[in-house]
PDB file of N, CA and C in Angstrom:
ATOM      1  N   MET A   1      14.411 -11.029  -6.926  1.00  0.00           N
ATOM      2  CA  MET A   1      13.037 -10.662  -7.231  1.00  0.00           C
ATOM      3  C   MET A   1      12.174 -11.064  -6.046  1.00  0.00           C
ATOM      4  N   SER A   2      11.270 -10.203  -5.643  1.00  0.00           N
ATOM      5  CA  SER A   2      10.371 -10.546  -4.549  1.00  0.00           C
ATOM      6  C   SER A   2       8.925 -10.354  -4.983  1.00  0.00           C
ATOM      7  N   GLY A   3       8.021 -10.917  -4.219  1.00  0.00           N
ATOM      8  CA  GLY A   3       6.604 -10.845  -4.544  1.00  0.00           C
ATOM      9  C   GLY A   3       6.111  -9.420  -4.707  1.00  0.00           C
ATOM     10  N   ASN A   4       5.239  -9.214  -5.667  1.00  0.00           N
ATOM     11  CA  ASN A   4       4.608  -7.923  -5.963  1.00  0.00           C
ATOM     12  C   ASN A   4       5.585  -6.877  -6.498  1.00  0.00           C
ATOM     13  N   ARG A   5       6.802  -7.239  -6.821  1.00  0.00           N
ATOM     14  CA  ARG A   5       7.789  -6.270  -7.278  1.00  0.00           C
ATOM     15  C   ARG A   5       8.257  -6.520  -8.712  1.00  0.00           C
ATOM     16  N   ASP A   6       7.714  -7.516  -9.360  1.00  0.00           N
ATOM     17  CA  ASP A   6       8.118  -7.855 -10.716  1.00  0.00           C
ATOM     18  C   ASP A   6       7.521  -6.832 -11.678  1.00  0.00           C
ATOM     19  N   GLU A   7       8.366  -6.011 -12.298  1.00  0.00           N
ATOM     20  CA  GLU A   7       7.898  -4.943 -13.183  1.00  0.00           C
ATOM     21  C   GLU A   7       7.184  -5.482 -14.423  1.00  0.00           C
ATOM     22  N   ASP A   8       7.419  -6.739 -14.768  1.00  0.00           N
ATOM     23  CA  ASP A   8       6.700  -7.325 -15.903  1.00  0.00           C
ATOM     24  C   ASP A   8       5.237  -7.590 -15.554  1.00  0.00           C
ATOM     25  N   ILE A   9       4.951  -7.746 -14.278  1.00  0.00           N
ATOM     26  CA  ILE A   9       3.597  -8.050 -13.816  1.00  0.00           C
ATOM     27  C   ILE A   9       2.938  -6.830 -13.178  1.00  0.00           C
ATOM     28  N   PHE A  10       3.684  -6.098 -12.374  1.00  0.00           N
ATOM     29  CA  PHE A  10       3.169  -4.948 -11.635  1.00  0.00           C
ATOM     30  C   PHE A  10       3.819  -3.674 -12.166  1.00  0.00           C
ATOM     31  N   PRO A  11       3.127  -2.917 -13.005  1.00  0.00           N
ATOM     32  CA  PRO A  11       3.709  -1.701 -13.566  1.00  0.00           C
ATOM     33  C   PRO A  11       4.106  -0.712 -12.477  1.00  0.00           C
ATOM     34  N   ASP A  12       5.320  -0.192 -12.562  1.00  0.00           N
ATOM     35  CA  ASP A  12       5.827   0.812 -11.633  1.00  0.00           C
ATOM     36  C   ASP A  12       5.595   0.385 -10.182  1.00  0.00           C
ATOM     37  N   PRO A  13       6.163  -0.752  -9.759  1.00  0.00           N
ATOM     38  CA  PRO A  13       5.854  -1.330  -8.452  1.00  0.00           C
ATOM     39  C   PRO A  13       6.281  -0.484  -7.265  1.00  0.00           C
ATOM     40  N   ASP A  14       7.187   0.470  -7.436  1.00  0.00           N
ATOM     41  CA  ASP A  14       7.654   1.280  -6.317  1.00  0.00           C
ATOM     42  C   ASP A  14       6.833   2.549  -6.103  1.00  0.00           C
ATOM     43  N   THR A  15       5.798   2.755  -6.917  1.00  0.00           N
ATOM     44  CA  THR A  15       4.958   3.940  -6.776  1.00  0.00           C
ATOM     45  C   THR A  15       3.674   3.580  -6.047  1.00  0.00           C
ATOM     46  N   PHE A  16       3.380   4.331  -4.979  1.00  0.00           N
ATOM     47  CA  PHE A  16       2.138   4.136  -4.237  1.00  0.00           C
ATOM     48  C   PHE A  16       1.034   4.848  -5.002  1.00  0.00           C
ATOM     49  N   ASP A  17       0.071   4.097  -5.491  1.00  0.00           N
ATOM     50  CA  ASP A  17      -1.002   4.656  -6.311  1.00  0.00           C
ATOM     51  C   ASP A  17      -2.328   4.035  -5.891  1.00  0.00           C
ATOM     52  N   LEU A  18      -3.125   4.816  -5.147  1.00  0.00           N
ATOM     53  CA  LEU A  18      -4.417   4.308  -4.678  1.00  0.00           C
ATOM     54  C   LEU A  18      -5.377   4.026  -5.821  1.00  0.00           C
ATOM     55  N   HIS A  19      -5.149   4.638  -6.968  1.00  0.00           N
ATOM     56  CA  HIS A  19      -6.068   4.494  -8.094  1.00  0.00           C
ATOM     57  C   HIS A  19      -5.554   3.526  -9.158  1.00  0.00           C
ATOM     58  N   ARG A  20      -4.514   2.787  -8.830  1.00  0.00           N
ATOM     59  CA  ARG A  20      -3.955   1.822  -9.778  1.00  0.00           C
ATOM     60  C   ARG A  20      -5.020   0.806 -10.171  1.00  0.00           C
ATOM     61  N   LYS A  21      -5.162   0.583 -11.443  1.00  0.00           N
ATOM     62  CA  LYS A  21      -6.107  -0.418 -11.933  1.00  0.00           C
ATOM     63  C   LYS A  21      -5.481  -1.792 -11.764  1.00  0.00           C
ATOM     64  N   ARG A  22      -6.214  -2.687 -11.182  1.00  0.00           N
ATOM     65  CA  ARG A  22      -5.714  -4.049 -11.011  1.00  0.00           C
ATOM     66  C   ARG A  22      -5.899  -4.814 -12.301  1.00  0.00           C
ATOM     67  N   GLY A  23      -4.891  -5.559 -12.628  1.00  0.00           N
ATOM     68  CA  GLY A  23      -4.958  -6.402 -13.813  1.00  0.00           C
ATOM     69  C   GLY A  23      -5.277  -7.828 -13.408  1.00  0.00           C
ATOM     70  N   LYS A  24      -4.800  -8.765 -14.188  1.00  0.00           N
ATOM     71  CA  LYS A  24      -5.059 -10.171 -13.893  1.00  0.00           C
ATOM     72  C   LYS A  24      -4.103 -10.728 -12.838  1.00  0.00           C
ATOM     73  N   GLU A  25      -3.138  -9.910 -12.433  1.00  0.00           N
ATOM     74  CA  GLU A  25      -2.153 -10.369 -11.452  1.00  0.00           C
ATOM     75  C   GLU A  25      -2.803 -10.636 -10.103  1.00  0.00           C
ATOM     76  N   GLN A  26      -2.160 -11.446  -9.318  1.00  0.00           N
ATOM     77  CA  GLN A  26      -2.597 -11.723  -7.953  1.00  0.00           C
ATOM     78  C   GLN A  26      -1.584 -11.086  -7.013  1.00  0.00           C
ATOM     79  N   ALA A  27      -1.966 -10.013  -6.321  1.00  0.00           N
ATOM     80  CA  ALA A  27      -1.094  -9.433  -5.314  1.00  0.00           C
ATOM     81  C   ALA A  27      -0.953 -10.428  -4.166  1.00  0.00           C
ATOM     82  N   LEU A  28       0.219 -10.470  -3.558  1.00  0.00           N
ATOM     83  CA  LEU A  28       0.489 -11.478  -2.545  1.00  0.00           C
ATOM     84  C   LEU A  28       0.187 -11.012  -1.125  1.00  0.00           C
ATOM     85  N   GLY A  29      -0.150  -9.757  -0.943  1.00  0.00           N
ATOM     86  CA  GLY A  29      -0.366  -9.210   0.391  1.00  0.00           C
ATOM     87  C   GLY A  29      -1.486  -9.883   1.161  1.00  0.00           C
ATOM     88  N   PHE A  30      -2.458 -10.457   0.489  1.00  0.00           N
ATOM     89  CA  PHE A  30      -3.574 -11.120   1.154  1.00  0.00           C
ATOM     90  C   PHE A  30      -3.512 -12.637   0.984  1.00  0.00           C
ATOM     91  N   GLY A  31      -2.343 -13.148   0.703  1.00  0.00           N
ATOM     92  CA  GLY A  31      -2.207 -14.584   0.503  1.00  0.00           C
ATOM     93  C   GLY A  31      -2.579 -14.977  -0.919  1.00  0.00           C
ATOM     94  N   TYR A  32      -2.587 -16.266  -1.175  1.00  0.00           N
ATOM     95  CA  TYR A  32      -2.849 -16.747  -2.527  1.00  0.00           C
ATOM     96  C   TYR A  32      -3.438 -18.150  -2.457  1.00  0.00           C
ATOM     97  N   GLY A  33      -4.307 -18.461  -3.393  1.00  0.00           N
ATOM     98  CA  GLY A  33      -4.884 -19.806  -3.475  1.00  0.00           C
ATOM     99  C   GLY A  33      -5.693 -20.147  -2.244  1.00  0.00           C
ATOM    100  N   GLN A  34      -5.510 -21.342  -1.722  1.00  0.00           N
ATOM    101  CA  GLN A  34      -6.290 -21.777  -0.567  1.00  0.00           C
ATOM    102  C   GLN A  34      -5.944 -20.990   0.692  1.00  0.00           C
ATOM    103  N   HIS A  35      -4.847 -20.238   0.665  1.00  0.00           N
ATOM    104  CA  HIS A  35      -4.442 -19.434   1.819  1.00  0.00           C
ATOM    105  C   HIS A  35      -4.833 -17.967   1.660  1.00  0.00           C
ATOM    106  N   GLU A  36      -5.623 -17.676   0.643  1.00  0.00           N
ATOM    107  CA  GLU A  36      -6.037 -16.288   0.402  1.00  0.00           C
ATOM    108  C   GLU A  36      -6.977 -15.818   1.510  1.00  0.00           C
ATOM    109  N   CYS A  37      -6.811 -14.584   1.921  1.00  0.00           N
ATOM    110  CA  CYS A  37      -7.636 -13.999   2.976  1.00  0.00           C
ATOM    111  C   CYS A  37      -9.088 -13.889   2.498  1.00  0.00           C
ATOM    112  N   VAL A  38     -10.022 -14.426   3.289  1.00  0.00           N
ATOM    113  CA  VAL A  38     -11.428 -14.382   2.888  1.00  0.00           C
ATOM    114  C   VAL A  38     -11.999 -12.971   2.964  1.00  0.00           C
ATOM    115  N   ALA A  39     -11.343 -12.087   3.709  1.00  0.00           N
ATOM    116  CA  ALA A  39     -11.832 -10.717   3.867  1.00  0.00           C
ATOM    117  C   ALA A  39     -11.052  -9.719   3.003  1.00  0.00           C
ATOM    118  N   GLU A  40     -10.325 -10.215   2.000  1.00  0.00           N
ATOM    119  CA  GLU A  40      -9.509  -9.324   1.161  1.00  0.00           C
ATOM    120  C   GLU A  40     -10.336  -8.189   0.573  1.00  0.00           C
ATOM    121  N   TRP A  41     -11.486  -8.481   0.014  1.00  0.00           N
ATOM    122  CA  TRP A  41     -12.265  -7.435  -0.659  1.00  0.00           C
ATOM    123  C   TRP A  41     -12.880  -6.472   0.341  1.00  0.00           C
ATOM    124  N   LEU A  42     -13.209  -6.946   1.534  1.00  0.00           N
ATOM    125  CA  LEU A  42     -13.681  -6.048   2.590  1.00  0.00           C
ATOM    126  C   LEU A  42     -12.559  -5.100   3.006  1.00  0.00           C
ATOM    127  N   ALA A  43     -11.366  -5.634   3.188  1.00  0.00           N
ATOM    128  CA  ALA A  43     -10.219  -4.805   3.573  1.00  0.00           C
ATOM    129  C   ALA A  43      -9.914  -3.764   2.503  1.00  0.00           C
ATOM    130  N   ARG A  44      -9.972  -4.155   1.240  1.00  0.00           N
ATOM    131  CA  ARG A  44      -9.722  -3.205   0.150  1.00  0.00           C
ATOM    132  C   ARG A  44     -10.775  -2.101   0.149  1.00  0.00           C
ATOM    133  N   ALA A  45     -12.033  -2.458   0.327  1.00  0.00           N
ATOM    134  CA  ALA A  45     -13.110  -1.465   0.354  1.00  0.00           C
ATOM    135  C   ALA A  45     -12.936  -0.518   1.541  1.00  0.00           C
ATOM    136  N   GLU A  46     -12.590  -1.064   2.707  1.00  0.00           N
ATOM    137  CA  GLU A  46     -12.377  -0.223   3.881  1.00  0.00           C
ATOM    138  C   GLU A  46     -11.241   0.770   3.661  1.00  0.00           C
ATOM    139  N   LEU A  47     -10.142   0.308   3.073  1.00  0.00           N
ATOM    140  CA  LEU A  47      -9.008   1.203   2.819  1.00  0.00           C
ATOM    141  C   LEU A  47      -9.363   2.303   1.829  1.00  0.00           C
ATOM    142  N   GLU A  48     -10.114   1.970   0.790  1.00  0.00           N
ATOM    143  CA  GLU A  48     -10.540   2.991  -0.167  1.00  0.00           C
ATOM    144  C   GLU A  48     -11.381   4.055   0.525  1.00  0.00           C
ATOM    145  N   ILE A  49     -12.289   3.644   1.409  1.00  0.00           N
ATOM    146  CA  ILE A  49     -13.137   4.591   2.130  1.00  0.00           C
ATOM    147  C   ILE A  49     -12.311   5.444   3.090  1.00  0.00           C
ATOM    148  N   VAL A  50     -11.404   4.804   3.824  1.00  0.00           N
ATOM    149  CA  VAL A  50     -10.555   5.534   4.771  1.00  0.00           C
ATOM    150  C   VAL A  50      -9.738   6.603   4.064  1.00  0.00           C
ATOM    151  N   PHE A  51      -9.045   6.227   2.977  1.00  0.00           N
ATOM    152  CA  PHE A  51      -8.194   7.201   2.292  1.00  0.00           C
ATOM    153  C   PHE A  51      -9.005   8.284   1.597  1.00  0.00           C
ATOM    154  N   ALA A  52     -10.120   7.935   0.996  1.00  0.00           N
ATOM    155  CA  ALA A  52     -10.967   8.952   0.354  1.00  0.00           C
ATOM    156  C   ALA A  52     -11.467   9.950   1.389  1.00  0.00           C
ATOM    157  N   THR A  53     -11.889   9.474   2.547  1.00  0.00           N
ATOM    158  CA  THR A  53     -12.372  10.360   3.609  1.00  0.00           C
ATOM    159  C   THR A  53     -11.236  11.215   4.148  1.00  0.00           C
ATOM    160  N   LEU A  54     -10.085  10.612   4.340  1.00  0.00           N
ATOM    161  CA  LEU A  54      -8.923  11.346   4.849  1.00  0.00           C
ATOM    162  C   LEU A  54      -8.557  12.497   3.918  1.00  0.00           C
ATOM    163  N   TRP A  55      -8.508  12.240   2.617  1.00  0.00           N
ATOM    164  CA  TRP A  55      -8.136  13.292   1.653  1.00  0.00           C
ATOM    165  C   TRP A  55      -9.213  14.379   1.582  1.00  0.00           C
ATOM    166  N   GLN A  56     -10.481  14.002   1.746  1.00  0.00           N
ATOM    167  CA  GLN A  56     -11.550  15.000   1.730  1.00  0.00           C
ATOM    168  C   GLN A  56     -11.462  15.916   2.949  1.00  0.00           C
ATOM    169  N   ARG A  57     -11.181  15.346   4.089  1.00  0.00           N
ATOM    170  CA  ARG A  57     -11.152  16.139   5.331  1.00  0.00           C
ATOM    171  C   ARG A  57      -9.848  16.883   5.526  1.00  0.00           C
ATOM    172  N   LEU A  58      -8.763  16.346   4.993  1.00  0.00           N
ATOM    173  CA  LEU A  58      -7.444  16.977   5.120  1.00  0.00           C
ATOM    174  C   LEU A  58      -6.801  17.075   3.740  1.00  0.00           C
ATOM    175  N   PRO A  59      -7.331  17.941   2.877  1.00  0.00           N
ATOM    176  CA  PRO A  59      -6.852  17.972   1.488  1.00  0.00           C
ATOM    177  C   PRO A  59      -5.388  18.379   1.354  1.00  0.00           C
ATOM    178  N   ASN A  60      -4.827  19.033   2.353  1.00  0.00           N
ATOM    179  CA  ASN A  60      -3.421  19.454   2.274  1.00  0.00           C
ATOM    180  C   ASN A  60      -2.482  18.483   2.982  1.00  0.00           C
ATOM    181  N   LEU A  61      -2.971  17.308   3.345  1.00  0.00           N
ATOM    182  CA  LEU A  61      -2.153  16.310   4.024  1.00  0.00           C
ATOM    183  C   LEU A  61      -0.953  15.947   3.151  1.00  0.00           C
ATOM    184  N   ARG A  62       0.217  15.962   3.762  1.00  0.00           N
ATOM    185  CA  ARG A  62       1.440  15.617   3.021  1.00  0.00           C
ATOM    186  C   ARG A  62       2.503  15.156   4.016  1.00  0.00           C
ATOM    187  N   LEU A  63       3.534  14.535   3.499  1.00  0.00           N
ATOM    188  CA  LEU A  63       4.647  14.110   4.341  1.00  0.00           C
ATOM    189  C   LEU A  63       5.340  15.321   4.937  1.00  0.00           C
ATOM    190  N   ALA A  64       5.781  15.200   6.187  1.00  0.00           N
ATOM    191  CA  ALA A  64       6.513  16.274   6.847  1.00  0.00           C
ATOM    192  C   ALA A  64       8.017  16.135   6.636  1.00  0.00           C
ATOM    193  N   ILE A  65       8.418  15.038   6.018  1.00  0.00           N
ATOM    194  CA  ILE A  65       9.827  14.765   5.751  1.00  0.00           C
ATOM    195  C   ILE A  65       9.959  14.328   4.300  1.00  0.00           C
ATOM    196  N   PRO A  66      11.173  14.371   3.748  1.00  0.00           N
ATOM    197  CA  PRO A  66      11.346  13.838   2.390  1.00  0.00           C
ATOM    198  C   PRO A  66      10.997  12.349   2.359  1.00  0.00           C
ATOM    199  N   PHE A  67      10.421  11.893   1.266  1.00  0.00           N
ATOM    200  CA  PHE A  67      10.007  10.497   1.114  1.00  0.00           C
ATOM    201  C   PHE A  67      11.147   9.535   1.442  1.00  0.00           C
ATOM    202  N   GLU A  68      12.354   9.902   1.061  1.00  0.00           N
ATOM    203  CA  GLU A  68      13.514   9.032   1.277  1.00  0.00           C
ATOM    204  C   GLU A  68      13.808   8.814   2.760  1.00  0.00           C
ATOM    205  N   GLU A  69      13.274   9.662   3.642  1.00  0.00           N
ATOM    206  CA  GLU A  69      13.534   9.555   5.080  1.00  0.00           C
ATOM    207  C   GLU A  69      12.461   8.773   5.837  1.00  0.00           C
ATOM    208  N   VAL A  70      11.459   8.256   5.132  1.00  0.00           N
ATOM    209  CA  VAL A  70      10.424   7.447   5.782  1.00  0.00           C
ATOM    210  C   VAL A  70      11.086   6.194   6.350  1.00  0.00           C
ATOM    211  N   LYS A  71      10.765   5.871   7.607  1.00  0.00           N
ATOM    212  CA  LYS A  71      11.402   4.738   8.285  1.00  0.00           C
ATOM    213  C   LYS A  71      10.534   3.487   8.162  1.00  0.00           C
ATOM    214  N   TYR A  72      11.200   2.383   7.813  1.00  0.00           N
ATOM    215  CA  TYR A  72      10.541   1.091   7.645  1.00  0.00           C
ATOM    216  C   TYR A  72      11.084   0.096   8.667  1.00  0.00           C
ATOM    217  N   SER A  73      10.306  -0.917   8.970  1.00  0.00           N
ATOM    218  CA  SER A  73      10.789  -1.992   9.825  1.00  0.00           C
ATOM    219  C   SER A  73      11.802  -2.817   9.032  1.00  0.00           C
ATOM    220  N   PRO A  74      12.663  -3.573   9.730  1.00  0.00           N
ATOM    221  CA  PRO A  74      13.622  -4.421   9.011  1.00  0.00           C
ATOM    222  C   PRO A  74      12.897  -5.406   8.096  1.00  0.00           C
ATOM    223  N   LEU A  75      13.492  -5.733   6.975  1.00  0.00           N
ATOM    224  CA  LEU A  75      12.858  -6.617   5.999  1.00  0.00           C
ATOM    225  C   LEU A  75      12.640  -8.028   6.515  1.00  0.00           C
ATOM    226  N   ASN A  76      13.384  -8.444   7.548  1.00  0.00           N
ATOM    227  CA  ASN A  76      13.203  -9.793   8.078  1.00  0.00           C
ATOM    228  C   ASN A  76      12.117  -9.838   9.156  1.00  0.00           C
ATOM    229  N   LYS A  77      11.461  -8.722   9.390  1.00  0.00           N
ATOM    230  CA  LYS A  77      10.357  -8.645  10.359  1.00  0.00           C
ATOM    231  C   LYS A  77       9.090  -8.281   9.593  1.00  0.00           C
ATOM    232  N   ASP A  78       8.013  -8.000  10.309  1.00  0.00           N
ATOM    233  CA  ASP A  78       6.804  -7.527   9.628  1.00  0.00           C
ATOM    234  C   ASP A  78       7.160  -6.267   8.869  1.00  0.00           C
ATOM    235  N   VAL A  79       6.941  -6.277   7.564  1.00  0.00           N
ATOM    236  CA  VAL A  79       7.338  -5.142   6.739  1.00  0.00           C
ATOM    237  C   VAL A  79       6.282  -4.053   6.854  1.00  0.00           C
ATOM    238  N   GLY A  80       6.739  -2.862   7.127  1.00  0.00           N
ATOM    239  CA  GLY A  80       5.805  -1.754   7.202  1.00  0.00           C
ATOM    240  C   GLY A  80       6.511  -0.475   7.572  1.00  0.00           C
ATOM    241  N   ILE A  81       5.779   0.584   7.509  1.00  0.00           N
ATOM    242  CA  ILE A  81       6.298   1.896   7.885  1.00  0.00           C
ATOM    243  C   ILE A  81       6.206   2.006   9.400  1.00  0.00           C
ATOM    244  N   THR A  82       7.312   2.397  10.043  1.00  0.00           N
ATOM    245  CA  THR A  82       7.321   2.507  11.499  1.00  0.00           C
ATOM    246  C   THR A  82       7.026   3.918  11.974  1.00  0.00           C
ATOM    247  N   GLU A  83       7.328   4.913  11.166  1.00  0.00           N
ATOM    248  CA  GLU A  83       7.029   6.311  11.482  1.00  0.00           C
ATOM    249  C   GLU A  83       6.628   7.017  10.199  1.00  0.00           C
ATOM    250  N   LEU A  84       5.595   7.844  10.287  1.00  0.00           N
ATOM    251  CA  LEU A  84       5.142   8.567   9.102  1.00  0.00           C
ATOM    252  C   LEU A  84       4.710   9.982   9.512  1.00  0.00           C
ATOM    253  N   PRO A  85       5.671  10.888   9.693  1.00  0.00           N
ATOM    254  CA  PRO A  85       5.334  12.249  10.074  1.00  0.00           C
ATOM    255  C   PRO A  85       4.597  12.964   8.937  1.00  0.00           C
ATOM    256  N   VAL A  86       3.475  13.569   9.261  1.00  0.00           N
ATOM    257  CA  VAL A  86       2.682  14.289   8.265  1.00  0.00           C
ATOM    258  C   VAL A  86       2.303  15.677   8.798  1.00  0.00           C
ATOM    259  N   VAL A  87       1.968  16.558   7.892  1.00  0.00           N
ATOM    260  CA  VAL A  87       1.436  17.884   8.210  1.00  0.00           C
ATOM    261  C   VAL A  87       0.237  18.126   7.322  1.00  0.00           C
ATOM    262  N   TRP A  88      -0.621  19.083   7.746  1.00  0.00           N
ATOM    263  CA  TRP A  88      -1.773  19.464   6.924  1.00  0.00           C
ATOM    264  C   TRP A  88      -2.120  20.904   7.147  1.00  0.00           C
TER     265      TRP A  88
END
């Protein structure tokens, strides 16, 4: 079990959903407790604006490859998507 992946706490954790309602859970991406990022809410607001604007300007934006072919960095390094081919 890893952080943010517990299905008892995070419903459908493998689905990317920008409109997911946050519950009482604490996502670990911005730290926790005294190590929590002070700019977490600013970052969340910025991401909501970026994605909303992106979808408005490029409504047909979609992956150029099957989802299963998206490339990620190794799990023992900074976790993230390394390539994300898109078309619109």
